[in-house]
Amino acid sequence: MSYQTSNNRAAHVVIDSAAIEHNLTRVTTIVPSAKVMAVVKADGYGHGMEVAAKALANADEFAVSSLDDVRRLRSQGFDKPITMLSATFDVDDLNSMSAQKVRPVIYDLAQLPTLAELSEKAELDLWLKIDTGMGRLGLCIDDAHLIAARLLSQSGVNSVSAMTHLANADDPEHPNNQRQIKRFLKFAEPYDFSQLSIMNSAGTVAFPQQANSMVRPGLILYGVSPQLSPQLSPKLGVSAQQLDLRPAMTLKSKLISVKRLPVGSPIGYGSRYTLDSDSRIGVISCGYADGYPRHAPSGTPVLINGMYVPLIGRVSMDLITVDLGEVRAEVGDDVILWGADNPIEVIAEMSDTIAYELLCGITSRVERIVI
């Protein structure tokens, strides 16, 4: 379906809210006994935080990165509990979080002096994050043991939950997955934590039987497989289609020029690509200033009129070029750069990046059309 943009640039994204709703339903089917903390940070993974939150109305909780995110959601009337995954805060912030139904994550000993100043009337719910092998945010297990019991009994703290994060969940066979899970559960065993959470999107799909009381999906809510694309890595990949996920974002544009060039013609900056035969060349209004990956190589698929054509030459700021071959196409025809029929996982893997970066990298000049 073609959509009319309100500016004179053809590049735009279409956000399918119903797809996000469907994907949440799929998560609840995969892990029926777990609550769902829907991750809407990074502006809803580029889909629009408010758009995503509305579509995820049946989730149990939201997860964001900052108090600014909290304010955005609250200003729009969203009243679900919100977890701040990696934010910094002062004591005034902490004392206001309970009334706002906000749960901070405690991930470093440096946060303890601020917690010590918490009002006895605060009734704060919080998370304790444990580093079980990710090597990123999270308390080392020994440090976490030193403070867990103290936090559980601290005045002003209503409840304490515990989480960790798997470093290799996108590779279910990696031995570190089960090592991390075992370390976390062993750590949590002596304590009366309100909730336990281990699984992100990849973990939810790979280890549903070990979901514990809450999962934290992000990517799969937006219809993208958390594993490598099966088109390029058939031994490792599980596609969004195989998981019955529906991509919520389609990056679209139009052909703005079509011409014939002879064999040997150079294409794009650096003249690194030359035509090996006489060809029809199409120029598309989209480039790295829109969020299309600059390092997408020649051969990256672009969908025009139901047919795949290869990108050729370097991606430039505003434009990309494709070899139309025998595909019937003319100026003004719609182009799908990624979406349901041209998986973003493939574009990302060919560009030596991940789908997360592409989703979050759509720039502000690209119009978003929500359906």
Protein backbone atom coordinates (compact mmCIF):
# COMPACT_ATOMS: atom_id res chain seq x y z
CA MET A 1 0.00 0.00 0.00
CA SER A 2 1.27 3.44 -0.91
CA TYR A 3 1.19 6.29 1.61
CA GLN A 4 1.41 9.98 0.86
CA THR A 5 4.02 11.80 2.93
CA SER A 6 3.49 15.37 4.09
CA ASN A 7 6.91 16.54 2.91
CA ASN A 8 8.70 16.23 -0.41
CA ARG A 9 11.02 13.42 0.64
CA ALA A 10 9.82 10.00 -0.33
CA ALA A 11 11.59 8.06 2.44
CA HIS A 12 9.20 7.23 5.28
CA VAL A 13 8.40 4.49 7.76
CA VAL A 14 5.04 2.87 8.30
CA ILE A 15 4.39 1.67 11.87
CA ASP A 16 1.82 -1.11 12.23
CA SER A 17 0.34 -0.89 15.74
CA ALA A 18 -1.67 -4.07 15.27
CA ALA A 19 1.56 -5.95 14.61
CA ILE A 20 2.95 -4.82 17.97
CA GLU A 21 -0.25 -5.98 19.70
CA HIS A 22 0.02 -9.34 17.94
CA ASN A 23 3.64 -9.77 18.97
CA LEU A 24 2.80 -9.15 22.62
CA THR A 25 0.15 -11.85 22.37
CA ARG A 26 2.79 -14.19 20.96
CA VAL A 27 5.04 -13.49 23.94
CA THR A 28 2.25 -14.31 26.38
CA THR A 29 1.67 -17.54 24.48
CA ILE A 30 5.36 -18.49 24.62
CA VAL A 31 5.63 -17.78 28.37
CA PRO A 32 2.05 -18.00 29.69
CA SER A 33 3.04 -18.09 33.36
CA ALA A 34 5.34 -15.05 33.28
CA LYS A 35 4.50 -11.38 33.50
CA VAL A 36 5.71 -9.18 30.66
CA MET A 37 7.83 -6.06 31.10
CA ALA A 38 7.56 -4.48 27.66
CA VAL A 39 10.73 -2.58 26.76
CA VAL A 40 9.88 0.75 25.11
CA LYS A 41 13.20 2.55 25.61
CA ALA A 42 15.03 4.21 22.71
CA ASP A 43 11.76 5.80 21.60
CA GLY A 44 10.10 2.41 21.38
CA TYR A 45 13.02 1.01 19.38
CA GLY A 46 12.46 3.75 16.82
CA HIS A 47 8.72 3.10 16.50
CA GLY A 48 7.70 5.96 18.80
CA MET A 49 7.48 5.38 22.54
CA GLU A 50 3.88 6.52 22.86
CA VAL A 51 2.81 4.50 19.82
CA ALA A 52 4.48 1.40 21.21
CA ALA A 53 3.08 1.88 24.72
CA LYS A 54 -0.46 2.25 23.39
CA ALA A 55 -0.11 -0.93 21.37
CA LEU A 56 1.37 -2.70 24.41
CA ALA A 57 -1.51 -1.79 26.71
CA ASN A 58 -1.89 -5.41 27.82
CA ALA A 59 1.69 -5.69 29.09
CA ASP A 60 2.17 -5.80 32.84
CA GLU A 61 4.87 -3.15 33.00
CA PHE A 62 7.04 -0.91 30.82
CA ALA A 63 10.83 -0.57 30.82
CA VAL A 64 12.65 2.63 29.90
CA SER A 65 16.09 4.17 30.25
CA SER A 66 15.47 7.49 31.99
CA LEU A 67 13.16 9.70 33.98
CA ASP A 68 12.56 11.69 30.82
CA ASP A 69 11.03 8.54 29.34
CA VAL A 70 8.88 8.17 32.45
CA ARG A 71 7.65 11.76 32.14
CA ARG A 72 6.77 11.23 28.49
CA LEU A 73 4.67 8.17 29.28
CA ARG A 74 2.98 9.68 32.31
CA SER A 75 2.17 12.90 30.44
CA GLN A 76 0.28 10.81 27.90
CA GLY A 77 -1.74 9.04 30.58
CA PHE A 78 0.08 5.71 30.72
CA ASP A 79 -0.14 4.53 34.34
CA LYS A 80 1.46 1.08 34.33
CA PRO A 81 4.47 0.44 36.59
CA ILE A 82 7.69 1.50 34.89
CA THR A 83 11.17 0.10 35.45
CA MET A 84 14.16 2.35 34.75
CA LEU A 85 16.79 -0.06 33.50
CA SER A 86 19.97 2.01 33.58
CA ALA A 87 19.12 5.48 34.81
CA THR A 88 20.94 7.62 37.34
CA PHE A 89 18.97 9.39 40.06
CA ASP A 90 19.25 11.44 43.23
CA VAL A 91 17.35 11.09 46.50
CA ASP A 92 14.59 13.46 45.42
CA ASP A 93 14.06 11.31 42.36
CA LEU A 94 13.89 8.19 44.52
CA ASN A 95 11.42 9.69 46.94
CA SER A 96 9.07 10.60 44.10
CA MET A 97 9.30 7.25 42.31
CA SER A 98 6.91 5.37 44.57
CA ALA A 99 4.05 7.77 43.89
CA GLN A 100 4.81 7.51 40.16
CA LYS A 101 4.92 3.69 40.25
CA VAL A 102 8.51 3.74 39.04
CA ARG A 103 10.99 0.99 39.91
CA PRO A 104 14.69 1.92 39.76
CA VAL A 105 17.37 -0.69 39.11
CA ILE A 106 20.22 -0.85 41.63
CA TYR A 107 23.29 -1.98 39.72
CA ASP A 108 26.31 -0.43 41.50
CA LEU A 109 27.51 0.04 45.08
CA ALA A 110 27.89 3.76 44.35
CA GLN A 111 24.09 4.01 44.46
CA LEU A 112 23.88 2.92 48.09
CA PRO A 113 24.50 6.33 49.73
CA THR A 114 21.55 7.72 47.78
CA LEU A 115 19.40 4.77 48.83
CA ALA A 116 20.41 5.33 52.45
CA GLU A 117 18.74 8.76 52.31
CA LEU A 118 15.43 7.30 51.15
CA SER A 119 12.45 8.54 53.14
CA GLU A 120 10.97 5.98 55.52
CA LYS A 121 7.58 6.74 53.99
CA ALA A 122 8.67 6.16 50.41
CA GLU A 123 7.35 2.60 49.91
CA LEU A 124 9.72 2.16 46.98
CA ASP A 125 9.74 -0.95 44.80
CA LEU A 126 13.14 -1.62 43.27
CA TRP A 127 15.19 -4.08 41.28
CA LEU A 128 18.60 -5.48 42.17
CA LYS A 129 20.61 -6.23 39.05
CA ILE A 130 23.19 -9.02 39.26
CA ASP A 131 26.12 -9.48 36.89
CA THR A 132 26.27 -13.24 36.36
CA GLY A 133 28.56 -13.13 33.35
CA MET A 134 27.52 -10.27 31.09
CA GLY A 135 30.35 -8.06 32.33
CA ARG A 136 28.29 -4.92 31.96
CA LEU A 137 25.84 -3.33 34.42
CA GLY A 138 25.13 -5.28 37.57
CA LEU A 139 26.49 -6.02 40.99
CA CYS A 140 29.03 -8.79 41.37
CA ILE A 141 27.44 -11.67 43.22
CA ASP A 142 29.54 -11.17 46.37
CA ASP A 143 28.59 -7.49 46.54
CA ALA A 144 24.95 -8.31 45.90
CA HIS A 145 24.95 -10.73 48.85
CA LEU A 146 26.31 -7.95 51.07
CA ILE A 147 23.36 -5.66 50.38
CA ALA A 148 20.40 -7.87 49.41
CA ALA A 149 19.22 -8.61 52.95
CA ARG A 150 19.78 -4.99 53.96
CA LEU A 151 17.64 -3.70 51.12
CA LEU A 152 14.87 -6.19 51.85
CA SER A 153 14.60 -4.84 55.38
CA GLN A 154 15.30 -1.15 54.72
CA SER A 155 12.72 1.40 55.76
CA GLY A 156 11.12 3.04 52.77
CA VAL A 157 11.69 -0.03 50.55
CA ASN A 158 8.43 -1.80 49.83
CA SER A 159 9.77 -4.67 47.72
CA VAL A 160 12.96 -5.89 46.09
CA SER A 161 13.08 -7.92 42.89
CA ALA A 162 16.16 -9.33 41.18
CA MET A 163 17.24 -9.48 37.55
CA THR A 164 20.19 -10.48 35.42
CA HIS A 165 20.95 -10.35 31.71
CA LEU A 166 22.19 -13.13 29.44
CA ALA A 167 25.17 -12.30 27.25
CA ASN A 168 24.60 -15.08 24.69
CA ALA A 169 20.86 -15.70 24.56
CA ASP A 170 20.86 -15.20 20.78
CA ASP A 171 22.97 -18.37 20.61
CA PRO A 172 20.89 -20.88 22.64
CA GLU A 173 23.61 -23.54 22.53
CA HIS A 174 26.23 -21.32 24.14
CA PRO A 175 27.24 -22.89 27.47
CA ASN A 176 27.34 -19.54 29.27
CA ASN A 177 23.55 -19.28 29.12
CA GLN A 178 22.95 -22.09 31.58
CA ARG A 179 25.93 -21.03 33.68
CA GLN A 180 24.42 -17.57 34.11
CA ILE A 181 20.96 -18.91 34.86
CA LYS A 182 22.33 -21.27 37.52
CA ARG A 183 24.44 -18.52 39.12
CA PHE A 184 21.47 -16.21 39.29
CA LEU A 185 19.06 -18.74 40.75
CA LYS A 186 21.64 -19.85 43.31
CA PHE A 187 22.17 -16.23 44.33
CA ALA A 188 18.42 -15.56 44.64
CA GLU A 189 17.57 -18.72 46.57
CA PRO A 190 18.11 -17.38 50.13
CA TYR A 191 16.09 -14.20 49.61
CA ASP A 192 12.43 -13.34 49.47
CA PHE A 193 12.54 -11.40 46.20
CA SER A 194 9.19 -10.29 44.82
CA GLN A 195 10.05 -11.16 41.24
CA LEU A 196 12.88 -12.75 39.29
CA SER A 197 13.71 -11.76 35.73
CA ILE A 198 16.35 -13.19 33.41
CA MET A 199 15.05 -13.27 29.88
CA ASN A 200 15.19 -10.60 27.20
CA SER A 201 13.70 -11.27 23.75
CA ALA A 202 16.24 -13.91 22.77
CA GLY A 203 16.02 -15.63 26.14
CA THR A 204 12.23 -15.63 26.07
CA VAL A 205 12.29 -17.46 22.75
CA ALA A 206 15.19 -19.79 23.57
CA PHE A 207 14.41 -20.70 27.19
CA PRO A 208 10.68 -20.24 27.83
CA GLN A 209 10.69 -23.00 30.45
CA GLN A 210 13.11 -20.91 32.53
CA ALA A 211 11.24 -17.62 32.22
CA ASN A 212 10.72 -17.19 35.97
CA SER A 213 8.17 -14.59 37.07
CA MET A 214 8.87 -11.81 34.54
CA VAL A 215 10.38 -11.53 31.06
CA ARG A 216 11.73 -8.34 29.48
CA PRO A 217 11.08 -8.54 25.72
CA GLY A 218 12.03 -5.71 23.44
CA LEU A 219 12.98 -6.66 19.90
CA ILE A 220 10.37 -9.39 19.44
CA LEU A 221 7.59 -6.98 20.37
CA TYR A 222 8.49 -5.07 17.23
CA GLY A 223 8.41 -8.20 15.08
CA VAL A 224 12.10 -8.89 14.64
CA SER A 225 13.80 -12.20 15.30
CA PRO A 226 16.35 -11.96 18.13
CA GLN A 227 18.53 -14.60 16.46
CA LEU A 228 20.65 -14.43 13.34
CA SER A 229 18.69 -14.45 10.11
CA PRO A 230 18.08 -17.96 8.74
CA GLN A 231 18.41 -16.59 5.21
CA LEU A 232 22.11 -16.02 5.84
CA SER A 233 22.80 -18.31 8.81
CA PRO A 234 20.47 -21.32 8.40
CA LYS A 235 22.11 -23.31 11.19
CA LEU A 236 21.67 -20.55 13.76
CA GLY A 237 18.78 -18.45 12.60
CA VAL A 238 15.10 -18.49 13.48
CA SER A 239 13.06 -16.08 11.40
CA ALA A 240 10.34 -13.73 12.58
CA GLN A 241 7.95 -15.68 10.36
CA GLN A 242 8.89 -18.96 12.05
CA LEU A 243 8.18 -17.33 15.40
CA ASP A 244 4.87 -15.94 14.10
CA LEU A 245 6.05 -12.38 14.67
CA ARG A 246 4.85 -9.50 12.52
CA PRO A 247 7.35 -6.75 11.67
CA ALA A 248 5.90 -3.47 12.89
CA MET A 249 8.17 -1.15 10.88
CA THR A 250 8.40 -0.85 7.12
CA LEU A 251 11.00 1.51 5.68
CA LYS A 252 9.71 2.67 2.33
CA SER A 253 10.60 5.14 -0.39
CA LYS A 254 10.21 5.64 -4.14
CA LEU A 255 12.25 5.44 -7.30
CA ILE A 256 13.10 9.01 -8.28
CA SER A 257 15.19 8.24 -11.37
CA VAL A 258 15.52 5.38 -13.87
CA LYS A 259 18.07 5.30 -16.69
CA ARG A 260 20.15 2.96 -18.83
CA LEU A 261 23.91 2.82 -18.48
CA PRO A 262 26.43 0.81 -20.54
CA VAL A 263 28.70 -1.97 -19.34
CA GLY A 264 31.70 -0.68 -17.42
CA SER A 265 29.90 2.38 -16.03
CA PRO A 266 30.98 3.25 -12.49
CA ILE A 267 28.27 3.60 -9.84
CA GLY A 268 28.47 5.81 -6.76
CA TYR A 269 31.19 7.39 -4.67
CA GLY A 270 34.66 5.98 -5.14
CA SER A 271 33.61 4.21 -8.35
CA ARG A 272 34.09 0.94 -6.52
CA TYR A 273 31.26 -0.74 -8.39
CA THR A 274 31.16 -1.00 -12.18
CA LEU A 275 28.43 -2.53 -14.28
CA ASP A 276 29.29 -5.91 -15.79
CA SER A 277 26.60 -5.50 -18.47
CA ASP A 278 24.32 -2.86 -19.94
CA SER A 279 21.80 -2.18 -17.21
CA ARG A 280 18.77 -0.21 -16.12
CA ILE A 281 19.68 1.72 -12.99
CA GLY A 282 17.22 2.95 -10.41
CA VAL A 283 17.92 5.71 -7.89
CA ILE A 284 15.98 5.64 -4.60
CA SER A 285 15.37 8.55 -2.26
CA CYS A 286 16.89 7.16 0.92
CA GLY A 287 20.38 7.17 2.39
CA TYR A 288 22.37 7.12 5.58
CA ALA A 289 20.95 10.49 6.65
CA ASP A 290 17.59 8.68 6.83
CA GLY A 291 18.99 5.74 8.76
CA TYR A 292 19.73 3.30 5.97
CA PRO A 293 23.07 1.65 6.81
CA ARG A 294 25.98 3.25 5.00
CA HIS A 295 27.88 -0.03 5.01
CA ALA A 296 25.17 -2.00 3.23
CA PRO A 297 27.13 -3.80 0.51
CA SER A 298 26.30 -4.25 -3.13
CA GLY A 299 23.82 -7.10 -3.35
CA THR A 300 21.73 -6.02 -0.36
CA PRO A 301 18.12 -6.74 -1.38
CA VAL A 302 15.61 -4.01 -2.15
CA LEU A 303 12.00 -4.87 -2.97
CA ILE A 304 10.34 -3.14 -5.94
CA ASN A 305 6.99 -4.25 -7.36
CA GLY A 306 7.26 -7.59 -5.60
CA MET A 307 10.71 -8.34 -7.02
CA TYR A 308 14.10 -8.20 -5.30
CA VAL A 309 16.78 -6.08 -6.90
CA PRO A 310 20.34 -5.60 -5.63
CA LEU A 311 21.73 -2.42 -4.19
CA ILE A 312 24.84 -1.40 -6.14
CA GLY A 313 27.58 1.05 -5.24
CA ARG A 314 28.00 2.97 -2.02
CA VAL A 315 25.08 4.22 0.03
CA SER A 316 25.20 8.01 0.05
CA MET A 317 23.60 10.58 2.32
CA ASP A 318 20.28 10.90 0.49
CA LEU A 319 20.32 8.20 -2.17
CA ILE A 320 20.93 4.57 -2.98
CA THR A 321 21.23 2.93 -6.38
CA VAL A 322 19.90 -0.44 -7.53
CA ASP A 323 20.27 -2.58 -10.64
CA LEU A 324 16.72 -3.02 -11.94
CA GLY A 325 17.67 -5.77 -14.37
CA GLU A 326 14.47 -7.03 -16.04
CA VAL A 327 12.17 -5.78 -13.29
CA ARG A 328 9.44 -3.53 -14.63
CA ALA A 329 9.84 -0.30 -12.71
CA GLU A 330 9.51 3.39 -13.37
CA VAL A 331 9.90 6.70 -11.59
CA GLY A 332 7.40 6.96 -8.74
CA ASP A 333 7.19 3.25 -7.96
CA ASP A 334 7.19 2.25 -4.29
CA VAL A 335 10.29 0.68 -2.77
CA ILE A 336 10.53 -1.43 0.39
CA LEU A 337 13.95 -1.17 2.02
CA TRP A 338 12.95 -3.37 4.93
CA GLY A 339 9.71 -4.78 6.25
CA ALA A 340 7.62 -7.93 6.27
CA ASP A 341 8.67 -9.03 2.77
CA ASN A 342 12.26 -7.78 3.00
CA PRO A 343 13.42 -8.78 6.49
CA ILE A 344 15.41 -6.22 8.45
CA GLU A 345 17.44 -9.10 9.89
CA VAL A 346 18.90 -9.74 6.43
CA ILE A 347 19.70 -6.07 5.82
CA ALA A 348 21.38 -5.85 9.22
CA GLU A 349 23.48 -8.99 8.84
CA MET A 350 24.64 -8.05 5.36
CA SER A 351 25.59 -4.61 6.73
CA ASP A 352 27.57 -6.19 9.59
CA THR A 353 25.27 -4.74 12.24
CA ILE A 354 22.13 -5.74 14.15
CA ALA A 355 18.47 -5.01 13.63
CA TYR A 356 18.34 -3.02 16.88
CA GLU A 357 20.69 -0.41 15.40
CA LEU A 358 18.68 -0.07 12.22
CA LEU A 359 15.36 0.32 14.04
CA CYS A 360 16.77 2.90 16.43
CA GLY A 361 18.72 4.68 13.71
CA ILE A 362 15.82 6.09 11.71
CA THR A 363 16.43 9.82 11.78
CA SER A 364 14.07 12.65 12.63
CA ARG A 365 13.68 13.79 9.03
CA VAL A 366 11.94 10.51 8.14
CA GLU A 367 8.20 10.82 8.44
CA ARG A 368 6.49 8.16 10.54
CA ILE A 369 3.02 7.03 9.46
CA VAL A 370 1.15 5.03 12.11
CA ILE A 371 -1.58 2.66 11.01
